[in-house]
Amino acid sequence: MTNINLDRKLRRKRRISTNIRGTIVRPRISVFRSNRYVYAQAIDDETRKTLFFFSNFDLKKEVNFKKGKKNDDSKKIGIGLAKKLIENKIKSGVFDRGSYAYNGRVKSLAEGLREGGLKI
């Protein structure tokens, strides 16, 4: 990746993430995706701590796990993180897509969060 593309990606991330702040009541749900995996974490920006996280590795630990399409796995990751948050009495969050476009796996993860009962 050239410096121009890296700078462009960082500028896009700063532009999006500048207005998003998470609290203990309404954490910021940050997404990272690589070519192979998807990671999601709930962050409290006031104390600068990660509250909960969920990824493909947590998905593999589940009993009825079958590897599917990346979009389907992303949706399951969203549902899993939503379950963790709702168990701990957190009902809403702020979605931070970072520098990624809101389509594909990022969109599936957001839909999974909503399907799991979280308000974003």
PDB file of N, CA and C in Angstrom:
ATOM      1  N   MET A   1       0.846  -1.170   0.000  1.00  0.00           N
ATOM      2  CA  MET A   1       0.000   0.000   0.000  1.00  0.00           C
ATOM      3  C   MET A   1       0.895   1.237   0.000  1.00  0.00           C
ATOM      4  N   THR A   2       0.625   2.159  -0.880  1.00  0.00           N
ATOM      5  CA  THR A   2       1.447   3.350  -0.966  1.00  0.00           C
ATOM      6  C   THR A   2       1.086   4.336   0.135  1.00  0.00           C
ATOM      7  N   ASN A   3       1.929   5.319   0.317  1.00  0.00           N
ATOM      8  CA  ASN A   3       1.685   6.329   1.347  1.00  0.00           C
ATOM      9  C   ASN A   3       0.421   7.130   1.060  1.00  0.00           C
ATOM     10  N   ILE A   4       0.137   7.376  -0.196  1.00  0.00           N
ATOM     11  CA  ILE A   4      -1.053   8.155  -0.551  1.00  0.00           C
ATOM     12  C   ILE A   4      -2.312   7.421  -0.108  1.00  0.00           C
ATOM     13  N   ASN A   5      -2.378   6.118  -0.388  1.00  0.00           N
ATOM     14  CA  ASN A   5      -3.546   5.338   0.014  1.00  0.00           C
ATOM     15  C   ASN A   5      -3.662   5.252   1.525  1.00  0.00           C
ATOM     16  N   LEU A   6      -2.531   5.079   2.218  1.00  0.00           N
ATOM     17  CA  LEU A   6      -2.539   5.004   3.673  1.00  0.00           C
ATOM     18  C   LEU A   6      -3.017   6.322   4.268  1.00  0.00           C
ATOM     19  N   ASP A   7      -2.527   7.445   3.736  1.00  0.00           N
ATOM     20  CA  ASP A   7      -2.969   8.758   4.219  1.00  0.00           C
ATOM     21  C   ASP A   7      -4.456   8.948   3.977  1.00  0.00           C
ATOM     22  N   ARG A   8      -4.931   8.519   2.835  1.00  0.00           N
ATOM     23  CA  ARG A   8      -6.345   8.660   2.501  1.00  0.00           C
ATOM     24  C   ARG A   8      -7.204   7.859   3.482  1.00  0.00           C
ATOM     25  N   LYS A   9      -6.741   6.653   3.809  1.00  0.00           N
ATOM     26  CA  LYS A   9      -7.467   5.798   4.745  1.00  0.00           C
ATOM     27  C   LYS A   9      -7.482   6.423   6.141  1.00  0.00           C
ATOM     28  N   LEU A  10      -6.371   6.947   6.585  1.00  0.00           N
ATOM     29  CA  LEU A  10      -6.305   7.576   7.902  1.00  0.00           C
ATOM     30  C   LEU A  10      -7.173   8.826   7.979  1.00  0.00           C
ATOM     31  N   ARG A  11      -7.188   9.626   6.902  1.00  0.00           N
ATOM     32  CA  ARG A  11      -8.041  10.816   6.887  1.00  0.00           C
ATOM     33  C   ARG A  11      -9.515  10.440   6.964  1.00  0.00           C
ATOM     34  N   ARG A  12      -9.897   9.396   6.248  1.00  0.00           N
ATOM     35  CA  ARG A  12     -11.285   8.941   6.271  1.00  0.00           C
ATOM     36  C   ARG A  12     -11.654   8.450   7.669  1.00  0.00           C
ATOM     37  N   LYS A  13     -10.752   7.716   8.326  1.00  0.00           N
ATOM     38  CA  LYS A  13     -11.001   7.218   9.681  1.00  0.00           C
ATOM     39  C   LYS A  13     -11.147   8.380  10.659  1.00  0.00           C
ATOM     40  N   ARG A  14     -10.271   9.369  10.565  1.00  0.00           N
ATOM     41  CA  ARG A  14     -10.360  10.536  11.456  1.00  0.00           C
ATOM     42  C   ARG A  14     -11.658  11.304  11.253  1.00  0.00           C
ATOM     43  N   ARG A  15     -12.051  11.470  10.007  1.00  0.00           N
ATOM     44  CA  ARG A  15     -13.272  12.215   9.690  1.00  0.00           C
ATOM     45  C   ARG A  15     -14.493  11.530  10.292  1.00  0.00           C
ATOM     46  N   ILE A  16     -14.539  10.211  10.217  1.00  0.00           N
ATOM     47  CA  ILE A  16     -15.682   9.455  10.717  1.00  0.00           C
ATOM     48  C   ILE A  16     -15.653   9.355  12.238  1.00  0.00           C
ATOM     49  N   SER A  17     -14.486   9.055  12.804  1.00  0.00           N
ATOM     50  CA  SER A  17     -14.390   8.770  14.236  1.00  0.00           C
ATOM     51  C   SER A  17     -14.342  10.009  15.117  1.00  0.00           C
ATOM     52  N   THR A  18     -14.154  11.182  14.534  1.00  0.00           N
ATOM     53  CA  THR A  18     -14.054  12.403  15.332  1.00  0.00           C
ATOM     54  C   THR A  18     -15.330  12.683  16.101  1.00  0.00           C
ATOM     55  N   ASN A  19     -16.462  12.440  15.503  1.00  0.00           N
ATOM     56  CA  ASN A  19     -17.740  12.774  16.123  1.00  0.00           C
ATOM     57  C   ASN A  19     -18.334  11.639  16.941  1.00  0.00           C
ATOM     58  N   ILE A  20     -17.639  10.544  17.064  1.00  0.00           N
ATOM     59  CA  ILE A  20     -18.187   9.379  17.756  1.00  0.00           C
ATOM     60  C   ILE A  20     -17.464   9.209  19.088  1.00  0.00           C
ATOM     61  N   ARG A  21     -18.228   9.232  20.189  1.00  0.00           N
ATOM     62  CA  ARG A  21     -17.678   9.032  21.523  1.00  0.00           C
ATOM     63  C   ARG A  21     -18.520   7.977  22.229  1.00  0.00           C
ATOM     64  N   GLY A  22     -17.881   7.058  22.894  1.00  0.00           N
ATOM     65  CA  GLY A  22     -18.592   6.020  23.618  1.00  0.00           C
ATOM     66  C   GLY A  22     -18.542   6.255  25.117  1.00  0.00           C
ATOM     67  N   THR A  23     -19.576   5.823  25.812  1.00  0.00           N
ATOM     68  CA  THR A  23     -19.629   5.909  27.263  1.00  0.00           C
ATOM     69  C   THR A  23     -19.899   4.518  27.826  1.00  0.00           C
ATOM     70  N   ILE A  24     -19.949   4.415  29.133  1.00  0.00           N
ATOM     71  CA  ILE A  24     -20.227   3.124  29.751  1.00  0.00           C
ATOM     72  C   ILE A  24     -21.659   2.686  29.463  1.00  0.00           C
ATOM     73  N   VAL A  25     -22.585   3.659  29.340  1.00  0.00           N
ATOM     74  CA  VAL A  25     -23.987   3.353  29.072  1.00  0.00           C
ATOM     75  C   VAL A  25     -24.202   3.055  27.593  1.00  0.00           C
ATOM     76  N   ARG A  26     -23.492   3.791  26.753  1.00  0.00           N
ATOM     77  CA  ARG A  26     -23.636   3.646  25.295  1.00  0.00           C
ATOM     78  C   ARG A  26     -22.243   3.575  24.661  1.00  0.00           C
ATOM     79  N   PRO A  27     -21.623   2.380  24.668  1.00  0.00           N
ATOM     80  CA  PRO A  27     -20.243   2.258  24.196  1.00  0.00           C
ATOM     81  C   PRO A  27     -20.116   2.392  22.676  1.00  0.00           C
ATOM     82  N   ARG A  28     -18.912   2.730  22.266  1.00  0.00           N
ATOM     83  CA  ARG A  28     -18.596   2.792  20.833  1.00  0.00           C
ATOM     84  C   ARG A  28     -18.257   1.381  20.378  1.00  0.00           C
ATOM     85  N   ILE A  29     -18.890   0.930  19.314  1.00  0.00           N
ATOM     86  CA  ILE A  29     -18.645  -0.412  18.792  1.00  0.00           C
ATOM     87  C   ILE A  29     -17.768  -0.266  17.557  1.00  0.00           C
ATOM     88  N   SER A  30     -16.514  -0.612  17.737  1.00  0.00           N
ATOM     89  CA  SER A  30     -15.510  -0.431  16.704  1.00  0.00           C
ATOM     90  C   SER A  30     -15.347  -1.723  15.911  1.00  0.00           C
ATOM     91  N   VAL A  31     -15.135  -1.576  14.607  1.00  0.00           N
ATOM     92  CA  VAL A  31     -15.010  -2.724  13.703  1.00  0.00           C
ATOM     93  C   VAL A  31     -13.632  -2.713  13.069  1.00  0.00           C
ATOM     94  N   PHE A  32     -13.002  -3.889  13.026  1.00  0.00           N
ATOM     95  CA  PHE A  32     -11.789  -4.068  12.246  1.00  0.00           C
ATOM     96  C   PHE A  32     -11.985  -5.313  11.400  1.00  0.00           C
ATOM     97  N   ARG A  33     -11.651  -5.201  10.138  1.00  0.00           N
ATOM     98  CA  ARG A  33     -11.749  -6.375   9.288  1.00  0.00           C
ATOM     99  C   ARG A  33     -10.453  -6.541   8.512  1.00  0.00           C
ATOM    100  N   SER A  34      -9.988  -7.767   8.485  1.00  0.00           N
ATOM    101  CA  SER A  34      -8.855  -8.108   7.643  1.00  0.00           C
ATOM    102  C   SER A  34      -9.414  -8.898   6.466  1.00  0.00           C
ATOM    103  N   ASN A  35      -8.557  -9.415   5.634  1.00  0.00           N
ATOM    104  CA  ASN A  35      -9.046 -10.205   4.507  1.00  0.00           C
ATOM    105  C   ASN A  35      -9.717 -11.487   4.977  1.00  0.00           C
ATOM    106  N   ARG A  36      -9.342 -11.957   6.155  1.00  0.00           N
ATOM    107  CA  ARG A  36      -9.809 -13.250   6.621  1.00  0.00           C
ATOM    108  C   ARG A  36     -10.768 -13.178   7.810  1.00  0.00           C
ATOM    109  N   TYR A  37     -10.545 -12.230   8.726  1.00  0.00           N
ATOM    110  CA  TYR A  37     -11.295 -12.189   9.978  1.00  0.00           C
ATOM    111  C   TYR A  37     -12.000 -10.853  10.166  1.00  0.00           C
ATOM    112  N   VAL A  38     -12.953 -10.856  11.114  1.00  0.00           N
ATOM    113  CA  VAL A  38     -13.650  -9.631  11.509  1.00  0.00           C
ATOM    114  C   VAL A  38     -13.602  -9.565  13.029  1.00  0.00           C
ATOM    115  N   TYR A  39     -13.287  -8.394  13.549  1.00  0.00           N
ATOM    116  CA  TYR A  39     -13.226  -8.173  14.980  1.00  0.00           C
ATOM    117  C   TYR A  39     -14.166  -7.016  15.323  1.00  0.00           C
ATOM    118  N   ALA A  40     -14.886  -7.146  16.430  1.00  0.00           N
ATOM    119  CA  ALA A  40     -15.745  -6.057  16.901  1.00  0.00           C
ATOM    120  C   ALA A  40     -15.519  -5.911  18.392  1.00  0.00           C
ATOM    121  N   GLN A  41     -15.437  -4.673  18.856  1.00  0.00           N
ATOM    122  CA  GLN A  41     -15.258  -4.446  20.278  1.00  0.00           C
ATOM    123  C   GLN A  41     -16.063  -3.250  20.742  1.00  0.00           C
ATOM    124  N   ALA A  42     -16.538  -3.340  21.978  1.00  0.00           N
ATOM    125  CA  ALA A  42     -17.289  -2.255  22.601  1.00  0.00           C
ATOM    126  C   ALA A  42     -16.319  -1.495  23.492  1.00  0.00           C
ATOM    127  N   ILE A  43     -16.200  -0.175  23.265  1.00  0.00           N
ATOM    128  CA  ILE A  43     -15.188   0.636  23.933  1.00  0.00           C
ATOM    129  C   ILE A  43     -15.852   1.767  24.704  1.00  0.00           C
ATOM    130  N   ASP A  44     -15.394   1.971  25.936  1.00  0.00           N
ATOM    131  CA  ASP A  44     -15.786   3.124  26.735  1.00  0.00           C
ATOM    132  C   ASP A  44     -14.681   4.164  26.576  1.00  0.00           C
ATOM    133  N   ASP A  45     -14.958   5.251  25.864  1.00  0.00           N
ATOM    134  CA  ASP A  45     -13.936   6.257  25.582  1.00  0.00           C
ATOM    135  C   ASP A  45     -13.619   7.135  26.783  1.00  0.00           C
ATOM    136  N   GLU A  46     -14.513   7.214  27.744  1.00  0.00           N
ATOM    137  CA  GLU A  46     -14.261   8.052  28.917  1.00  0.00           C
ATOM    138  C   GLU A  46     -13.146   7.460  29.782  1.00  0.00           C
ATOM    139  N   THR A  47     -13.182   6.139  29.984  1.00  0.00           N
ATOM    140  CA  THR A  47     -12.135   5.480  30.762  1.00  0.00           C
ATOM    141  C   THR A  47     -11.080   4.838  29.871  1.00  0.00           C
ATOM    142  N   ARG A  48     -11.291   4.903  28.546  1.00  0.00           N
ATOM    143  CA  ARG A  48     -10.367   4.362  27.552  1.00  0.00           C
ATOM    144  C   ARG A  48     -10.135   2.865  27.748  1.00  0.00           C
ATOM    145  N   LYS A  49     -11.245   2.130  27.926  1.00  0.00           N
ATOM    146  CA  LYS A  49     -11.151   0.691  28.133  1.00  0.00           C
ATOM    147  C   LYS A  49     -12.079  -0.049  27.176  1.00  0.00           C
ATOM    148  N   THR A  50     -11.638  -1.232  26.777  1.00  0.00           N
ATOM    149  CA  THR A  50     -12.480  -2.116  25.988  1.00  0.00           C
ATOM    150  C   THR A  50     -13.347  -2.911  26.951  1.00  0.00           C
ATOM    151  N   LEU A  51     -14.657  -2.817  26.771  1.00  0.00           N
ATOM    152  CA  LEU A  51     -15.584  -3.512  27.654  1.00  0.00           C
ATOM    153  C   LEU A  51     -15.751  -4.970  27.234  1.00  0.00           C
ATOM    154  N   PHE A  52     -16.068  -5.190  25.960  1.00  0.00           N
ATOM    155  CA  PHE A  52     -16.289  -6.530  25.437  1.00  0.00           C
ATOM    156  C   PHE A  52     -15.787  -6.591  24.005  1.00  0.00           C
ATOM    157  N   PHE A  53     -15.443  -7.803  23.564  1.00  0.00           N
ATOM    158  CA  PHE A  53     -15.047  -7.986  22.168  1.00  0.00           C
ATOM    159  C   PHE A  53     -15.569  -9.323  21.679  1.00  0.00           C
ATOM    160  N   PHE A  54     -15.657  -9.447  20.390  1.00  0.00           N
ATOM    161  CA  PHE A  54     -16.097 -10.697  19.765  1.00  0.00           C
ATOM    162  C   PHE A  54     -15.460 -10.770  18.389  1.00  0.00           C
ATOM    163  N   SER A  55     -15.015 -11.956  17.995  1.00  0.00           N
ATOM    164  CA  SER A  55     -14.366 -12.115  16.689  1.00  0.00           C
ATOM    165  C   SER A  55     -14.617 -13.515  16.158  1.00  0.00           C
ATOM    166  N   ASN A  56     -13.995 -13.823  15.046  1.00  0.00           N
ATOM    167  CA  ASN A  56     -14.116 -15.148  14.450  1.00  0.00           C
ATOM    168  C   ASN A  56     -13.610 -16.229  15.404  1.00  0.00           C
ATOM    169  N   PHE A  57     -12.621 -15.895  16.222  1.00  0.00           N
ATOM    170  CA  PHE A  57     -12.053 -16.878  17.134  1.00  0.00           C
ATOM    171  C   PHE A  57     -13.063 -17.264  18.220  1.00  0.00           C
ATOM    172  N   ASP A  58     -13.847 -16.298  18.685  1.00  0.00           N
ATOM    173  CA  ASP A  58     -14.898 -16.595  19.656  1.00  0.00           C
ATOM    174  C   ASP A  58     -16.015 -17.391  18.990  1.00  0.00           C
ATOM    175  N   LEU A  59     -16.236 -17.119  17.730  1.00  0.00           N
ATOM    176  CA  LEU A  59     -17.273 -17.818  16.975  1.00  0.00           C
ATOM    177  C   LEU A  59     -16.915 -19.298  16.818  1.00  0.00           C
ATOM    178  N   LYS A  60     -15.639 -19.591  16.627  1.00  0.00           N
ATOM    179  CA  LYS A  60     -15.188 -20.974  16.445  1.00  0.00           C
ATOM    180  C   LYS A  60     -15.347 -21.798  17.719  1.00  0.00           C
ATOM    181  N   LYS A  61     -15.370 -21.134  18.878  1.00  0.00           N
ATOM    182  CA  LYS A  61     -15.494 -21.836  20.155  1.00  0.00           C
ATOM    183  C   LYS A  61     -16.919 -22.315  20.426  1.00  0.00           C
ATOM    184  N   GLU A  62     -17.886 -21.774  19.681  1.00  0.00           N
ATOM    185  CA  GLU A  62     -19.275 -22.163  19.890  1.00  0.00           C
ATOM    186  C   GLU A  62     -19.494 -23.614  19.449  1.00  0.00           C
ATOM    187  N   VAL A  63     -20.490 -24.257  20.049  1.00  0.00           N
ATOM    188  CA  VAL A  63     -20.720 -25.696  19.859  1.00  0.00           C
ATOM    189  C   VAL A  63     -21.128 -26.033  18.425  1.00  0.00           C
ATOM    190  N   ASN A  64     -22.097 -25.322  17.883  1.00  0.00           N
ATOM    191  CA  ASN A  64     -22.630 -25.651  16.554  1.00  0.00           C
ATOM    192  C   ASN A  64     -21.977 -24.835  15.450  1.00  0.00           C
ATOM    193  N   PHE A  65     -20.673 -24.619  15.545  1.00  0.00           N
ATOM    194  CA  PHE A  65     -20.003 -23.759  14.568  1.00  0.00           C
ATOM    195  C   PHE A  65     -19.748 -24.496  13.258  1.00  0.00           C
ATOM    196  N   LYS A  66     -20.164 -23.852  12.165  1.00  0.00           N
ATOM    197  CA  LYS A  66     -19.812 -24.295  10.822  1.00  0.00           C
ATOM    198  C   LYS A  66     -19.327 -23.073  10.069  1.00  0.00           C
ATOM    199  N   LYS A  67     -18.174 -23.193   9.457  1.00  0.00           N
ATOM    200  CA  LYS A  67     -17.643 -22.064   8.708  1.00  0.00           C
ATOM    201  C   LYS A  67     -18.535 -21.806   7.503  1.00  0.00           C
ATOM    202  N   GLY A  68     -18.969 -20.551   7.373  1.00  0.00           N
ATOM    203  CA  GLY A  68     -19.827 -20.178   6.260  1.00  0.00           C
ATOM    204  C   GLY A  68     -19.185 -19.067   5.458  1.00  0.00           C
ATOM    205  N   LYS A  69     -20.008 -18.312   4.796  1.00  0.00           N
ATOM    206  CA  LYS A  69     -19.513 -17.162   4.052  1.00  0.00           C
ATOM    207  C   LYS A  69     -19.068 -16.086   5.031  1.00  0.00           C
ATOM    208  N   LYS A  70     -18.198 -15.204   4.581  1.00  0.00           N
ATOM    209  CA  LYS A  70     -17.686 -14.151   5.454  1.00  0.00           C
ATOM    210  C   LYS A  70     -18.804 -13.242   5.941  1.00  0.00           C
ATOM    211  N   ASN A  71     -19.782 -12.940   5.080  1.00  0.00           N
ATOM    212  CA  ASN A  71     -20.899 -12.090   5.487  1.00  0.00           C
ATOM    213  C   ASN A  71     -21.732 -12.757   6.572  1.00  0.00           C
ATOM    214  N   ASP A  72     -21.983 -14.051   6.433  1.00  0.00           N
ATOM    215  CA  ASP A  72     -22.764 -14.774   7.436  1.00  0.00           C
ATOM    216  C   ASP A  72     -22.030 -14.816   8.771  1.00  0.00           C
ATOM    217  N   ASP A  73     -20.719 -15.041   8.727  1.00  0.00           N
ATOM    218  CA  ASP A  73     -19.929 -15.047   9.960  1.00  0.00           C
ATOM    219  C   ASP A  73     -19.934 -13.674  10.618  1.00  0.00           C
ATOM    220  N   SER A  74     -19.890 -12.622   9.814  1.00  0.00           N
ATOM    221  CA  SER A  74     -19.917 -11.258  10.364  1.00  0.00           C
ATOM    222  C   SER A  74     -21.226 -10.995  11.094  1.00  0.00           C
ATOM    223  N   LYS A  75     -22.312 -11.473  10.533  1.00  0.00           N
ATOM    224  CA  LYS A  75     -23.612 -11.299  11.178  1.00  0.00           C
ATOM    225  C   LYS A  75     -23.646 -12.036  12.510  1.00  0.00           C
ATOM    226  N   LYS A  76     -23.083 -13.242  12.548  1.00  0.00           N
ATOM    227  CA  LYS A  76     -23.029 -14.017  13.790  1.00  0.00           C
ATOM    228  C   LYS A  76     -22.151 -13.325  14.834  1.00  0.00           C
ATOM    229  N   ILE A  77     -21.095 -12.674  14.389  1.00  0.00           N
ATOM    230  CA  ILE A  77     -20.234 -11.930  15.310  1.00  0.00           C
ATOM    231  C   ILE A  77     -21.016 -10.773  15.925  1.00  0.00           C
ATOM    232  N   GLY A  78     -21.806 -10.082  15.111  1.00  0.00           N
ATOM    233  CA  GLY A  78     -22.641  -9.000  15.620  1.00  0.00           C
ATOM    234  C   GLY A  78     -23.654  -9.491  16.637  1.00  0.00           C
ATOM    235  N   ILE A  79     -24.274 -10.617  16.350  1.00  0.00           N
ATOM    236  CA  ILE A  79     -25.252 -11.187  17.274  1.00  0.00           C
ATOM    237  C   ILE A  79     -24.569 -11.601  18.574  1.00  0.00           C
ATOM    238  N   GLY A  80     -23.382 -12.187  18.481  1.00  0.00           N
ATOM    239  CA  GLY A  80     -22.645 -12.610  19.671  1.00  0.00           C
ATOM    240  C   GLY A  80     -22.252 -11.441  20.556  1.00  0.00           C
ATOM    241  N   LEU A  81     -21.776 -10.352  19.954  1.00  0.00           N
ATOM    242  CA  LEU A  81     -21.405  -9.172  20.737  1.00  0.00           C
ATOM    243  C   LEU A  81     -22.640  -8.540  21.364  1.00  0.00           C
ATOM    244  N   ALA A  82     -23.732  -8.512  20.628  1.00  0.00           N
ATOM    245  CA  ALA A  82     -24.983  -7.956  21.171  1.00  0.00           C
ATOM    246  C   ALA A  82     -25.442  -8.764  22.385  1.00  0.00           C
ATOM    247  N   LYS A  83     -25.323 -10.092  22.329  1.00  0.00           N
ATOM    248  CA  LYS A  83     -25.700 -10.925  23.472  1.00  0.00           C
ATOM    249  C   LYS A  83     -24.867 -10.584  24.696  1.00  0.00           C
ATOM    250  N   LYS A  84     -23.545 -10.426  24.492  1.00  0.00           N
ATOM    251  CA  LYS A  84     -22.662 -10.081  25.607  1.00  0.00           C
ATOM    252  C   LYS A  84     -23.058  -8.749  26.234  1.00  0.00           C
ATOM    253  N   LEU A  85     -23.352  -7.766  25.384  1.00  0.00           N
ATOM    254  CA  LEU A  85     -23.701  -6.442  25.891  1.00  0.00           C
ATOM    255  C   LEU A  85     -25.042  -6.455  26.620  1.00  0.00           C
ATOM    256  N   ILE A  86     -26.026  -7.150  26.070  1.00  0.00           N
ATOM    257  CA  ILE A  86     -27.349  -7.186  26.683  1.00  0.00           C
ATOM    258  C   ILE A  86     -27.311  -7.951  28.009  1.00  0.00           C
ATOM    259  N   GLU A  87     -26.486  -8.989  28.106  1.00  0.00           N
ATOM    260  CA  GLU A  87     -26.325  -9.703  29.376  1.00  0.00           C
ATOM    261  C   GLU A  87     -25.806  -8.776  30.466  1.00  0.00           C
ATOM    262  N   ASN A  88     -25.039  -7.775  30.072  1.00  0.00           N
ATOM    263  CA  ASN A  88     -24.476  -6.826  31.030  1.00  0.00           C
ATOM    264  C   ASN A  88     -25.249  -5.515  31.076  1.00  0.00           C
ATOM    265  N   LYS A  89     -26.519  -5.574  30.672  1.00  0.00           N
ATOM    266  CA  LYS A  89     -27.473  -4.467  30.783  1.00  0.00           C
ATOM    267  C   LYS A  89     -27.086  -3.235  29.964  1.00  0.00           C
ATOM    268  N   ILE A  90     -26.430  -3.449  28.834  1.00  0.00           N
ATOM    269  CA  ILE A  90     -26.143  -2.366  27.892  1.00  0.00           C
ATOM    270  C   ILE A  90     -27.051  -2.581  26.698  1.00  0.00           C
ATOM    271  N   LYS A  91     -27.945  -1.616  26.450  1.00  0.00           N
ATOM    272  CA  LYS A  91     -28.977  -1.805  25.428  1.00  0.00           C
ATOM    273  C   LYS A  91     -28.742  -1.016  24.153  1.00  0.00           C
ATOM    274  N   SER A  92     -27.787  -0.087  24.156  1.00  0.00           N
ATOM    275  CA  SER A  92     -27.535   0.701  22.950  1.00  0.00           C
ATOM    276  C   SER A  92     -26.043   0.970  22.817  1.00  0.00           C
ATOM    277  N   GLY A  93     -25.644   1.332  21.609  1.00  0.00           N
ATOM    278  CA  GLY A  93     -24.250   1.623  21.329  1.00  0.00           C
ATOM    279  C   GLY A  93     -24.127   2.549  20.132  1.00  0.00           C
ATOM    280  N   VAL A  94     -22.910   3.024  19.903  1.00  0.00           N
ATOM    281  CA  VAL A  94     -22.608   3.890  18.772  1.00  0.00           C
ATOM    282  C   VAL A  94     -21.728   3.090  17.824  1.00  0.00           C
ATOM    283  N   PHE A  95     -22.133   2.966  16.581  1.00  0.00           N
ATOM    284  CA  PHE A  95     -21.407   2.138  15.616  1.00  0.00           C
ATOM    285  C   PHE A  95     -20.297   2.947  14.965  1.00  0.00           C
ATOM    286  N   ASP A  96     -19.070   2.465  15.068  1.00  0.00           N
ATOM    287  CA  ASP A  96     -17.902   3.116  14.474  1.00  0.00           C
ATOM    288  C   ASP A  96     -17.326   2.184  13.415  1.00  0.00           C
ATOM    289  N   ARG A  97     -17.572   2.518  12.156  1.00  0.00           N
ATOM    290  CA  ARG A  97     -17.105   1.658  11.073  1.00  0.00           C
ATOM    291  C   ARG A  97     -15.656   1.927  10.706  1.00  0.00           C
ATOM    292  N   GLY A  98     -15.045   2.926  11.306  1.00  0.00           N
ATOM    293  CA  GLY A  98     -13.651   3.241  11.035  1.00  0.00           C
ATOM    294  C   GLY A  98     -13.485   3.777   9.633  1.00  0.00           C
ATOM    295  N   SER A  99     -12.530   3.213   8.903  1.00  0.00           N
ATOM    296  CA  SER A  99     -12.273   3.691   7.543  1.00  0.00           C
ATOM    297  C   SER A  99     -12.951   2.815   6.496  1.00  0.00           C
ATOM    298  N   TYR A 100     -13.819   1.908   6.941  1.00  0.00           N
ATOM    299  CA  TYR A 100     -14.451   0.974   6.013  1.00  0.00           C
ATOM    300  C   TYR A 100     -15.793   1.510   5.528  1.00  0.00           C
ATOM    301  N   ALA A 101     -16.126   1.202   4.307  1.00  0.00           N
ATOM    302  CA  ALA A 101     -17.421   1.576   3.748  1.00  0.00           C
ATOM    303  C   ALA A 101     -18.506   0.728   4.405  1.00  0.00           C
ATOM    304  N   TYR A 102     -19.705   1.298   4.499  1.00  0.00           N
ATOM    305  CA  TYR A 102     -20.816   0.584   5.137  1.00  0.00           C
ATOM    306  C   TYR A 102     -21.476  -0.331   4.110  1.00  0.00           C
ATOM    307  N   ASN A 103     -20.780  -1.397   3.768  1.00  0.00           N
ATOM    308  CA  ASN A 103     -21.342  -2.444   2.921  1.00  0.00           C
ATOM    309  C   ASN A 103     -20.584  -3.734   3.190  1.00  0.00           C
ATOM    310  N   GLY A 104     -21.101  -4.832   2.712  1.00  0.00           N
ATOM    311  CA  GLY A 104     -20.437  -6.114   2.885  1.00  0.00           C
ATOM    312  C   GLY A 104     -20.428  -6.582   4.321  1.00  0.00           C
ATOM    313  N   ARG A 105     -19.236  -6.954   4.799  1.00  0.00           N
ATOM    314  CA  ARG A 105     -19.108  -7.521   6.138  1.00  0.00           C
ATOM    315  C   ARG A 105     -19.400  -6.513   7.236  1.00  0.00           C
ATOM    316  N   VAL A 106     -19.080  -5.246   7.020  1.00  0.00           N
ATOM    317  CA  VAL A 106     -19.352  -4.210   8.025  1.00  0.00           C
ATOM    318  C   VAL A 106     -20.859  -4.032   8.193  1.00  0.00           C
ATOM    319  N   LYS A 107     -21.572  -4.011   7.086  1.00  0.00           N
ATOM    320  CA  LYS A 107     -23.028  -3.878   7.134  1.00  0.00           C
ATOM    321  C   LYS A 107     -23.659  -5.116   7.781  1.00  0.00           C
ATOM    322  N   SER A 108     -23.155  -6.299   7.467  1.00  0.00           N
ATOM    323  CA  SER A 108     -23.679  -7.525   8.072  1.00  0.00           C
ATOM    324  C   SER A 108     -23.477  -7.528   9.574  1.00  0.00           C
ATOM    325  N   LEU A 109     -22.328  -7.036  10.028  1.00  0.00           N
ATOM    326  CA  LEU A 109     -22.071  -6.974  11.457  1.00  0.00           C
ATOM    327  C   LEU A 109     -23.056  -6.030  12.143  1.00  0.00           C
ATOM    328  N   ALA A 110     -23.319  -4.874  11.531  1.00  0.00           N
ATOM    329  CA  ALA A 110     -24.278  -3.918  12.099  1.00  0.00           C
ATOM    330  C   ALA A 110     -25.682  -4.513  12.146  1.00  0.00           C
ATOM    331  N   GLU A 111     -26.058  -5.226  11.108  1.00  0.00           N
ATOM    332  CA  GLU A 111     -27.371  -5.880  11.095  1.00  0.00           C
ATOM    333  C   GLU A 111     -27.448  -6.958  12.165  1.00  0.00           C
ATOM    334  N   GLY A 112     -26.348  -7.664  12.392  1.00  0.00           N
ATOM    335  CA  GLY A 112     -26.304  -8.666  13.448  1.00  0.00           C
ATOM    336  C   GLY A 112     -26.464  -8.056  14.830  1.00  0.00           C
ATOM    337  N   LEU A 113     -25.850  -6.894  15.031  1.00  0.00           N
ATOM    338  CA  LEU A 113     -26.010  -6.190  16.308  1.00  0.00           C
ATOM    339  C   LEU A 113     -27.472  -5.819  16.544  1.00  0.00           C
ATOM    340  N   ARG A 114     -28.113  -5.303  15.491  1.00  0.00           N
ATOM    341  CA  ARG A 114     -29.531  -4.933  15.612  1.00  0.00           C
ATOM    342  C   ARG A 114     -30.404  -6.164  15.838  1.00  0.00           C
ATOM    343  N   GLU A 115     -30.093  -7.234  15.120  1.00  0.00           N
ATOM    344  CA  GLU A 115     -30.859  -8.471  15.250  1.00  0.00           C
ATOM    345  C   GLU A 115     -30.701  -9.071  16.641  1.00  0.00           C
ATOM    346  N   GLY A 116     -29.523  -8.863  17.244  1.00  0.00           N
ATOM    347  CA  GLY A 116     -29.282  -9.357  18.586  1.00  0.00           C
ATOM    348  C   GLY A 116     -29.965  -8.551  19.675  1.00  0.00           C
ATOM    349  N   GLY A 117     -30.609  -7.440  19.296  1.00  0.00           N
ATOM    350  CA  GLY A 117     -31.369  -6.656  20.254  1.00  0.00           C
ATOM    351  C   GLY A 117     -30.707  -5.366  20.681  1.00  0.00           C
ATOM    352  N   LEU A 118     -29.579  -5.021  20.088  1.00  0.00           N
ATOM    353  CA  LEU A 118     -28.876  -3.794  20.452  1.00  0.00           C
ATOM    354  C   LEU A 118     -29.379  -2.639  19.590  1.00  0.00           C
ATOM    355  N   LYS A 119     -29.519  -1.475  20.174  1.00  0.00           N
ATOM    356  CA  LYS A 119     -29.954  -0.306  19.420  1.00  0.00           C
ATOM    357  C   LYS A 119     -28.729   0.509  19.034  1.00  0.00           C
ATOM    358  N   ILE A 120     -28.470   0.607  17.724  1.00  0.00           N
ATOM    359  CA  ILE A 120     -27.332   1.406  17.257  1.00  0.00           C
ATOM    360  C   ILE A 120     -27.808   2.406  16.223  1.00  0.00           C
TER     361      ILE A 120
END
